Amino acid sequence: MREAAAAPKTERRCERPGGDFERDLPVTEEFMPLDAARASFDTSRLPEGIDGPVRIVAIGDYDRCPCIGPHVSSTGAIGAFRITSTGQQDGVLRIRFKLHR
């Protein structure tokens, strides 16, 4: 599901007016047992001591990952943004962006 780096075509598709993120994609959550989450995801960044269900956040069909942080309920709430850089470190794709307010 993950690519090694964000392709420029994907970046443009996300940024442009009317693009994928302005389509108001749903951001949903589900909970799964810790063992199932470990089998499906990299859970190494979750806080130590978690022994119960793990929250999995899905952003449309772009991404699913374990997360403990806050999220918008849909991508339409983000508004316009510009991707400033992408890169990969230790097998993790990082995308940096600036919101247009």
Protein backbone atom coordinates (compact mmCIF):
# COMPACT_ATOMS: atom_id res chain seq x y z
CA MET A 1 0.00 0.00 0.00
CA ARG A 2 2.89 2.38 0.66
CA GLU A 3 5.25 3.63 -2.02
CA ALA A 4 8.92 4.38 -1.41
CA ALA A 5 8.41 8.09 -2.09
CA ALA A 6 5.56 10.38 -3.01
CA ALA A 7 5.38 10.75 -6.75
CA PRO A 8 5.08 14.33 -8.07
CA LYS A 9 1.87 13.33 -9.89
CA THR A 10 0.33 12.24 -6.57
CA GLU A 11 1.50 15.46 -4.90
CA ARG A 12 -0.15 17.59 -7.61
CA ARG A 13 -3.34 15.53 -7.42
CA CYS A 14 -3.58 16.17 -3.67
CA GLU A 15 -2.74 19.89 -3.84
CA ARG A 16 -4.77 21.15 -6.77
CA PRO A 17 -8.16 22.81 -6.27
CA GLY A 18 -10.82 20.16 -6.51
CA GLY A 19 -8.13 17.52 -5.98
CA ASP A 20 -8.39 14.41 -3.90
CA PHE A 21 -8.16 16.13 -0.53
CA GLU A 22 -10.77 18.75 -1.39
CA ARG A 23 -13.12 15.90 -2.32
CA ASP A 24 -13.88 15.63 1.38
CA LEU A 25 -12.64 12.08 1.88
CA PRO A 26 -13.77 10.51 5.14
CA VAL A 27 -11.29 10.07 7.96
CA THR A 28 -12.51 7.09 9.94
CA GLU A 29 -11.32 5.06 12.89
CA GLU A 30 -11.67 1.48 13.94
CA PHE A 31 -10.25 -0.46 16.86
CA MET A 32 -8.48 -3.79 16.61
CA PRO A 33 -6.84 -6.09 19.14
CA LEU A 34 -3.18 -5.33 19.78
CA ASP A 35 -2.00 -8.67 18.34
CA ALA A 36 -3.91 -8.06 15.09
CA ALA A 37 -2.51 -4.52 14.84
CA ARG A 38 1.05 -5.83 15.34
CA ALA A 39 0.48 -8.37 12.57
CA SER A 40 -0.79 -5.74 10.12
CA PHE A 41 1.06 -2.51 11.01
CA ASP A 42 4.32 -1.16 12.36
CA THR A 43 3.34 -0.45 15.95
CA SER A 44 6.82 0.48 17.17
CA ARG A 45 5.91 4.17 17.49
CA LEU A 46 2.94 3.57 19.78
CA PRO A 47 3.51 4.42 23.44
CA GLU A 48 4.86 1.63 25.65
CA GLY A 49 2.39 -0.12 27.88
CA ILE A 50 -0.55 -0.34 25.48
CA ASP A 51 -2.31 -3.61 26.17
CA GLY A 52 -5.80 -3.01 24.81
CA PRO A 53 -7.32 -2.30 21.41
CA VAL A 54 -5.35 -0.12 18.99
CA ARG A 55 -7.02 2.71 17.09
CA ILE A 56 -6.53 2.47 13.32
CA VAL A 57 -7.18 5.68 11.38
CA ALA A 58 -8.09 5.47 7.69
CA ILE A 59 -7.96 8.44 5.31
CA GLY A 60 -10.14 7.53 2.34
CA ASP A 61 -8.32 4.74 0.54
CA TYR A 62 -4.93 6.52 0.88
CA ASP A 63 -3.71 5.32 4.22
CA ARG A 64 -4.48 3.24 7.28
CA CYS A 65 -2.25 3.39 10.31
CA PRO A 66 -2.25 3.07 14.09
CA CYS A 67 -2.56 6.50 15.66
CA ILE A 68 -3.25 8.07 19.04
CA GLY A 69 -3.38 11.67 17.82
CA PRO A 70 -6.28 13.95 16.87
CA HIS A 71 -7.69 13.93 13.35
CA VAL A 72 -10.23 15.87 11.32
CA SER A 73 -13.39 13.98 10.41
CA SER A 74 -12.80 14.50 6.67
CA THR A 75 -10.10 15.88 4.39
CA GLY A 76 -12.36 18.78 3.39
CA ALA A 77 -11.79 20.28 6.84
CA ILE A 78 -8.09 20.70 6.06
CA GLY A 79 -8.52 23.23 3.26
CA ALA A 80 -5.86 24.11 0.75
CA PHE A 81 -2.25 23.13 1.35
CA ARG A 82 1.08 22.86 -0.44
CA ILE A 83 3.48 19.94 -0.11
CA THR A 84 6.89 21.44 0.69
CA SER A 85 9.00 18.27 0.67
CA THR A 86 8.92 14.50 0.80
CA GLY A 87 11.47 11.96 1.86
CA GLN A 88 12.01 8.54 3.30
CA GLN A 89 13.91 7.69 6.45
CA ASP A 90 14.13 4.27 8.06
CA GLY A 91 11.41 2.99 5.71
CA VAL A 92 8.95 5.73 6.69
CA LEU A 93 7.61 8.17 4.11
CA ARG A 94 7.54 11.73 5.46
CA ILE A 95 5.47 14.44 3.81
CA ARG A 96 5.88 18.03 4.95
CA PHE A 97 3.28 20.60 4.03
CA LYS A 98 2.02 24.12 4.66
CA LEU A 99 -1.64 24.91 5.14
CA HIS A 100 -3.09 27.91 3.31
CA ARG A 101 -5.20 29.86 5.79
